[in-house]
């Protein structure tokens, strides 16, 4: 792992056969992201962002989509009235990689700057 903050780094592709991160490493990376990210029951990064209406949630999701495309790492986005849920995991290893936390850090940085 790098000493550079997660939000300053870029996602790197992960190949099948690479083991998912260990629980201790995930907990440390969660602390670095800040915000209200957590690891859900499926072992995936999850965060729910709340907004005052559907359009604000959709605009946020569109920006997250641009961040994801720029990073080459694509989360699951669930959008409903006033809510954008984000779930991130690395499909190739069916678990969490460092890139998952990097993407979450980029989203969290954007979230803080847009408020």
N, C-alpha and C. Protein backbone atom coordinates (compact mmCIF):
# COMPACT_ATOMS: atom_id res chain seq x y z
N UNK A 1 0.84 -1.19 0.00
CA UNK A 1 0.00 0.00 0.00
C UNK A 1 0.88 1.24 0.00
N UNK A 2 0.34 2.28 -0.56
CA UNK A 2 1.05 3.54 -0.70
C UNK A 2 0.80 4.44 0.51
N UNK A 3 1.73 5.36 0.74
CA UNK A 3 1.55 6.36 1.80
C UNK A 3 0.71 7.53 1.32
N UNK A 4 0.49 7.62 0.00
CA UNK A 4 -0.33 8.70 -0.56
C UNK A 4 -1.79 8.49 -0.15
N UNK A 5 -2.50 9.58 0.22
CA UNK A 5 -3.91 9.44 0.61
C UNK A 5 -4.74 8.78 -0.51
N UNK A 6 -5.73 8.00 -0.12
CA UNK A 6 -6.57 7.28 -1.09
C UNK A 6 -7.18 8.21 -2.13
N UNK A 7 -7.66 9.37 -1.71
CA UNK A 7 -8.31 10.29 -2.62
C UNK A 7 -7.40 10.93 -3.65
N UNK A 8 -6.09 10.76 -3.49
CA UNK A 8 -5.11 11.30 -4.44
C UNK A 8 -4.59 10.23 -5.39
N UNK A 9 -5.02 9.00 -5.18
CA UNK A 9 -4.53 7.88 -5.99
C UNK A 9 -5.56 7.51 -7.04
N UNK A 10 -5.17 6.66 -7.97
CA UNK A 10 -6.06 6.18 -9.02
C UNK A 10 -6.26 4.68 -8.87
N UNK A 11 -7.44 4.24 -9.27
CA UNK A 11 -7.75 2.81 -9.25
C UNK A 11 -6.86 2.08 -10.25
N UNK A 12 -6.51 0.86 -9.91
CA UNK A 12 -5.75 0.00 -10.82
C UNK A 12 -6.54 -1.28 -11.02
N UNK A 13 -6.54 -1.81 -12.24
CA UNK A 13 -7.29 -3.04 -12.50
C UNK A 13 -6.80 -4.19 -11.63
N UNK A 14 -7.72 -5.01 -11.21
CA UNK A 14 -7.42 -6.18 -10.38
C UNK A 14 -7.73 -7.42 -11.21
N UNK A 15 -6.85 -8.39 -11.12
CA UNK A 15 -7.05 -9.62 -11.88
C UNK A 15 -7.57 -10.74 -10.98
N UNK A 16 -8.27 -11.66 -11.58
CA UNK A 16 -8.74 -12.83 -10.84
C UNK A 16 -7.55 -13.55 -10.25
N UNK A 17 -7.74 -14.13 -9.09
CA UNK A 17 -6.66 -14.85 -8.43
C UNK A 17 -5.97 -14.04 -7.35
N UNK A 18 -6.14 -12.71 -7.39
CA UNK A 18 -5.60 -11.85 -6.33
C UNK A 18 -6.55 -11.97 -5.14
N UNK A 19 -6.02 -12.22 -3.96
CA UNK A 19 -6.93 -12.38 -2.81
C UNK A 19 -7.57 -11.06 -2.40
N UNK A 20 -8.81 -11.10 -1.93
CA UNK A 20 -9.44 -9.89 -1.39
C UNK A 20 -8.65 -9.40 -0.17
N UNK A 21 -8.83 -8.13 0.14
CA UNK A 21 -8.16 -7.56 1.31
C UNK A 21 -8.66 -8.23 2.59
N UNK A 22 -7.78 -8.30 3.57
CA UNK A 22 -8.14 -8.86 4.87
C UNK A 22 -8.96 -7.84 5.66
N UNK A 23 -9.73 -8.34 6.60
CA UNK A 23 -10.62 -7.51 7.41
C UNK A 23 -9.88 -6.35 8.08
N UNK A 24 -8.71 -6.61 8.64
CA UNK A 24 -7.95 -5.58 9.34
C UNK A 24 -7.56 -4.45 8.39
N UNK A 25 -7.15 -4.80 7.19
CA UNK A 25 -6.77 -3.81 6.18
C UNK A 25 -7.99 -2.99 5.78
N UNK A 26 -9.12 -3.66 5.59
CA UNK A 26 -10.36 -2.96 5.22
C UNK A 26 -10.76 -1.96 6.29
N UNK A 27 -10.66 -2.35 7.55
CA UNK A 27 -11.03 -1.45 8.65
C UNK A 27 -10.15 -0.21 8.67
N UNK A 28 -8.85 -0.39 8.42
CA UNK A 28 -7.92 0.74 8.38
C UNK A 28 -8.27 1.67 7.22
N UNK A 29 -8.57 1.11 6.06
CA UNK A 29 -8.90 1.92 4.89
C UNK A 29 -10.24 2.64 5.07
N UNK A 30 -11.18 2.00 5.75
CA UNK A 30 -12.46 2.65 6.06
C UNK A 30 -12.25 3.91 6.89
N UNK A 31 -11.36 3.84 7.85
CA UNK A 31 -11.05 5.01 8.68
C UNK A 31 -10.52 6.15 7.82
N UNK A 32 -9.69 5.80 6.84
CA UNK A 32 -9.11 6.84 5.99
C UNK A 32 -10.16 7.51 5.11
N UNK A 33 -11.14 6.76 4.64
CA UNK A 33 -12.19 7.34 3.79
C UNK A 33 -13.00 8.36 4.58
N UNK A 34 -13.31 8.03 5.82
CA UNK A 34 -14.16 8.91 6.62
C UNK A 34 -15.60 8.82 6.13
N UNK A 35 -16.39 9.81 6.46
CA UNK A 35 -17.79 9.78 6.05
C UNK A 35 -18.54 8.66 6.73
N UNK A 36 -19.52 8.14 6.04
CA UNK A 36 -20.35 7.11 6.65
C UNK A 36 -20.34 5.81 5.83
N UNK A 37 -19.21 5.53 5.20
CA UNK A 37 -19.04 4.26 4.48
C UNK A 37 -18.96 3.12 5.47
N UNK A 38 -19.44 1.95 5.05
CA UNK A 38 -19.34 0.76 5.88
C UNK A 38 -19.19 -0.44 4.96
N UNK A 39 -18.89 -1.57 5.55
CA UNK A 39 -18.85 -2.83 4.81
C UNK A 39 -20.14 -3.56 5.15
N UNK A 40 -20.94 -3.86 4.12
CA UNK A 40 -22.25 -4.46 4.35
C UNK A 40 -22.13 -5.97 4.58
N UNK A 41 -23.28 -6.63 4.74
CA UNK A 41 -23.30 -8.07 5.03
C UNK A 41 -22.71 -8.91 3.91
N UNK A 42 -22.73 -8.38 2.69
CA UNK A 42 -22.16 -9.11 1.56
C UNK A 42 -20.65 -8.89 1.44
N UNK A 43 -20.09 -8.08 2.32
CA UNK A 43 -18.66 -7.80 2.28
C UNK A 43 -18.29 -6.75 1.25
N UNK A 44 -19.24 -5.87 0.93
CA UNK A 44 -19.01 -4.82 -0.06
C UNK A 44 -19.06 -3.45 0.61
N UNK A 45 -18.33 -2.50 0.04
CA UNK A 45 -18.39 -1.13 0.54
C UNK A 45 -19.74 -0.54 0.21
N UNK A 46 -20.33 0.16 1.16
CA UNK A 46 -21.66 0.73 0.95
C UNK A 46 -21.76 2.09 1.61
N UNK A 47 -22.45 3.01 0.92
CA UNK A 47 -22.75 4.31 1.48
C UNK A 47 -24.05 4.81 0.88
N UNK A 48 -24.86 5.45 1.70
CA UNK A 48 -26.13 6.01 1.24
C UNK A 48 -26.07 7.52 1.44
N UNK A 49 -26.23 8.26 0.36
CA UNK A 49 -26.22 9.72 0.40
C UNK A 49 -27.65 10.23 0.29
N UNK A 50 -28.00 11.19 1.14
CA UNK A 50 -29.37 11.73 1.19
C UNK A 50 -29.40 13.14 0.58
N UNK A 51 -30.49 13.43 -0.12
CA UNK A 51 -30.69 14.71 -0.79
C UNK A 51 -32.12 15.19 -0.59
N UNK A 52 -32.37 16.43 -0.95
CA UNK A 52 -33.68 17.03 -0.75
C UNK A 52 -34.71 16.67 -1.80
N UNK A 53 -34.27 16.08 -2.91
CA UNK A 53 -35.23 15.69 -3.94
C UNK A 53 -34.58 14.69 -4.91
N UNK A 54 -35.37 14.22 -5.84
CA UNK A 54 -34.90 13.22 -6.80
C UNK A 54 -33.81 13.77 -7.71
N UNK A 55 -33.99 14.99 -8.20
CA UNK A 55 -33.04 15.58 -9.15
C UNK A 55 -31.65 15.72 -8.53
N UNK A 56 -31.59 16.15 -7.26
CA UNK A 56 -30.29 16.27 -6.59
C UNK A 56 -29.62 14.91 -6.45
N UNK A 57 -30.39 13.88 -6.12
CA UNK A 57 -29.84 12.53 -6.03
C UNK A 57 -29.34 12.06 -7.40
N UNK A 58 -30.11 12.35 -8.44
CA UNK A 58 -29.73 11.94 -9.79
C UNK A 58 -28.49 12.69 -10.26
N UNK A 59 -28.41 13.97 -9.97
CA UNK A 59 -27.23 14.75 -10.35
C UNK A 59 -25.98 14.21 -9.65
N UNK A 60 -26.13 13.86 -8.38
CA UNK A 60 -25.01 13.28 -7.64
C UNK A 60 -24.60 11.95 -8.28
N UNK A 61 -25.57 11.11 -8.60
CA UNK A 61 -25.27 9.82 -9.23
C UNK A 61 -24.56 10.01 -10.57
N UNK A 62 -24.98 11.01 -11.34
CA UNK A 62 -24.32 11.28 -12.62
C UNK A 62 -22.86 11.68 -12.40
N UNK A 63 -22.59 12.49 -11.39
CA UNK A 63 -21.21 12.88 -11.10
C UNK A 63 -20.41 11.67 -10.63
N UNK A 64 -21.01 10.82 -9.81
CA UNK A 64 -20.33 9.59 -9.37
C UNK A 64 -20.01 8.73 -10.60
N UNK A 65 -20.93 8.69 -11.55
CA UNK A 65 -20.69 7.95 -12.79
C UNK A 65 -19.48 8.47 -13.55
N UNK A 66 -19.31 9.79 -13.58
CA UNK A 66 -18.15 10.39 -14.25
C UNK A 66 -16.86 10.05 -13.50
N UNK A 67 -16.91 10.10 -12.18
CA UNK A 67 -15.74 9.73 -11.38
C UNK A 67 -15.38 8.27 -11.64
N UNK A 68 -16.38 7.41 -11.63
CA UNK A 68 -16.16 5.98 -11.86
C UNK A 68 -15.56 5.72 -13.24
N UNK A 69 -16.09 6.39 -14.23
CA UNK A 69 -15.57 6.21 -15.59
C UNK A 69 -14.12 6.67 -15.67
N UNK A 70 -13.81 7.80 -15.03
CA UNK A 70 -12.45 8.31 -15.02
C UNK A 70 -11.50 7.33 -14.34
N UNK A 71 -11.98 6.65 -13.30
CA UNK A 71 -11.17 5.69 -12.55
C UNK A 71 -11.18 4.29 -13.17
N UNK A 72 -12.08 4.06 -14.11
CA UNK A 72 -12.18 2.73 -14.73
C UNK A 72 -12.65 1.68 -13.73
N UNK A 73 -13.46 2.11 -12.77
CA UNK A 73 -13.94 1.20 -11.71
C UNK A 73 -15.38 1.60 -11.43
N UNK A 74 -16.31 0.69 -11.64
CA UNK A 74 -17.72 1.06 -11.72
C UNK A 74 -18.55 0.43 -10.61
N UNK A 75 -19.16 1.29 -9.77
CA UNK A 75 -19.98 0.81 -8.65
C UNK A 75 -21.41 0.52 -9.08
N UNK A 76 -22.14 -0.09 -8.18
CA UNK A 76 -23.58 -0.20 -8.32
C UNK A 76 -24.17 1.07 -7.73
N UNK A 77 -25.05 1.73 -8.48
CA UNK A 77 -25.74 2.92 -8.00
C UNK A 77 -27.24 2.63 -7.94
N UNK A 78 -27.84 2.94 -6.80
CA UNK A 78 -29.28 2.82 -6.64
C UNK A 78 -29.83 4.20 -6.36
N UNK A 79 -30.74 4.67 -7.19
CA UNK A 79 -31.27 6.02 -7.04
C UNK A 79 -32.77 5.95 -6.85
N UNK A 80 -33.25 6.69 -5.85
CA UNK A 80 -34.67 6.85 -5.62
C UNK A 80 -34.87 8.28 -5.13
N UNK A 81 -36.09 8.64 -4.75
CA UNK A 81 -36.36 10.00 -4.34
C UNK A 81 -35.46 10.39 -3.17
N UNK A 82 -34.55 11.34 -3.41
CA UNK A 82 -33.70 11.88 -2.37
C UNK A 82 -32.59 11.00 -1.86
N UNK A 83 -32.31 9.88 -2.53
CA UNK A 83 -31.29 8.95 -2.05
C UNK A 83 -30.47 8.41 -3.22
N UNK A 84 -29.17 8.36 -3.02
CA UNK A 84 -28.28 7.66 -3.94
C UNK A 84 -27.45 6.68 -3.12
N UNK A 85 -27.70 5.38 -3.31
CA UNK A 85 -26.94 4.33 -2.64
C UNK A 85 -25.80 3.90 -3.56
N UNK A 86 -24.63 3.71 -2.97
CA UNK A 86 -23.45 3.28 -3.74
C UNK A 86 -22.90 2.02 -3.10
N UNK A 87 -22.70 0.99 -3.92
CA UNK A 87 -22.09 -0.25 -3.47
C UNK A 87 -20.89 -0.53 -4.38
N UNK A 88 -19.75 -0.78 -3.75
CA UNK A 88 -18.50 -0.99 -4.51
C UNK A 88 -17.86 -2.30 -4.07
N UNK A 89 -17.42 -3.07 -5.04
CA UNK A 89 -16.61 -4.26 -4.81
C UNK A 89 -15.91 -4.60 -6.11
N UNK A 90 -14.91 -5.44 -6.02
CA UNK A 90 -14.15 -5.85 -7.21
C UNK A 90 -14.70 -7.18 -7.68
N UNK A 91 -15.36 -7.14 -8.82
CA UNK A 91 -16.01 -8.33 -9.37
C UNK A 91 -15.02 -9.46 -9.62
N UNK A 92 -13.83 -9.12 -10.13
CA UNK A 92 -12.86 -10.15 -10.52
C UNK A 92 -12.43 -11.03 -9.35
N UNK A 93 -12.48 -10.49 -8.13
CA UNK A 93 -12.08 -11.28 -6.95
C UNK A 93 -13.24 -11.52 -6.00
N UNK A 94 -14.42 -11.03 -6.37
CA UNK A 94 -15.62 -11.14 -5.56
C UNK A 94 -15.35 -10.74 -4.11
N UNK A 95 -14.68 -9.60 -3.98
CA UNK A 95 -14.33 -9.09 -2.66
C UNK A 95 -13.84 -7.66 -2.79
N UNK A 96 -13.18 -7.19 -1.75
CA UNK A 96 -12.70 -5.82 -1.73
C UNK A 96 -11.22 -5.74 -2.06
N UNK A 97 -10.89 -4.78 -2.91
CA UNK A 97 -9.50 -4.47 -3.26
C UNK A 97 -9.22 -3.03 -2.86
N UNK A 98 -7.98 -2.65 -2.91
CA UNK A 98 -7.61 -1.28 -2.57
C UNK A 98 -8.31 -0.28 -3.49
N UNK A 99 -8.51 -0.64 -4.75
CA UNK A 99 -9.18 0.26 -5.69
C UNK A 99 -10.61 0.58 -5.26
N UNK A 100 -11.27 -0.33 -4.57
CA UNK A 100 -12.62 -0.05 -4.08
C UNK A 100 -12.60 1.12 -3.10
N UNK A 101 -11.61 1.13 -2.23
CA UNK A 101 -11.48 2.20 -1.25
C UNK A 101 -11.02 3.50 -1.90
N UNK A 102 -10.20 3.39 -2.94
CA UNK A 102 -9.78 4.57 -3.68
C UNK A 102 -10.99 5.23 -4.33
N UNK A 103 -11.84 4.45 -4.98
CA UNK A 103 -13.04 5.00 -5.61
C UNK A 103 -13.95 5.63 -4.55
N UNK A 104 -14.14 4.96 -3.44
CA UNK A 104 -14.98 5.51 -2.37
C UNK A 104 -14.40 6.83 -1.86
N UNK A 105 -13.09 6.92 -1.74
CA UNK A 105 -12.46 8.16 -1.29
C UNK A 105 -12.69 9.30 -2.28
N UNK A 106 -12.63 9.00 -3.57
CA UNK A 106 -12.91 10.03 -4.59
C UNK A 106 -14.36 10.51 -4.48
N UNK A 107 -15.28 9.58 -4.28
CA UNK A 107 -16.70 9.94 -4.14
C UNK A 107 -16.89 10.78 -2.88
N UNK A 108 -16.27 10.36 -1.79
CA UNK A 108 -16.42 11.10 -0.53
C UNK A 108 -15.83 12.50 -0.65
N UNK A 109 -14.70 12.64 -1.31
CA UNK A 109 -14.10 13.95 -1.53
C UNK A 109 -15.04 14.84 -2.33
N UNK A 110 -15.64 14.29 -3.40
CA UNK A 110 -16.60 15.06 -4.19
C UNK A 110 -17.81 15.45 -3.33
N UNK A 111 -18.30 14.50 -2.54
CA UNK A 111 -19.48 14.76 -1.70
C UNK A 111 -19.22 15.93 -0.76
N UNK A 112 -18.08 15.95 -0.15
CA UNK A 112 -17.74 17.04 0.79
C UNK A 112 -17.61 18.38 0.08
N UNK A 113 -17.06 18.36 -1.13
CA UNK A 113 -16.85 19.63 -1.84
C UNK A 113 -18.14 20.17 -2.47
N UNK A 114 -19.14 19.31 -2.63
CA UNK A 114 -20.39 19.76 -3.27
C UNK A 114 -21.42 20.26 -2.27
N UNK A 115 -21.13 20.15 -0.99
CA UNK A 115 -22.08 20.62 0.05
C UNK A 115 -21.79 22.05 0.45
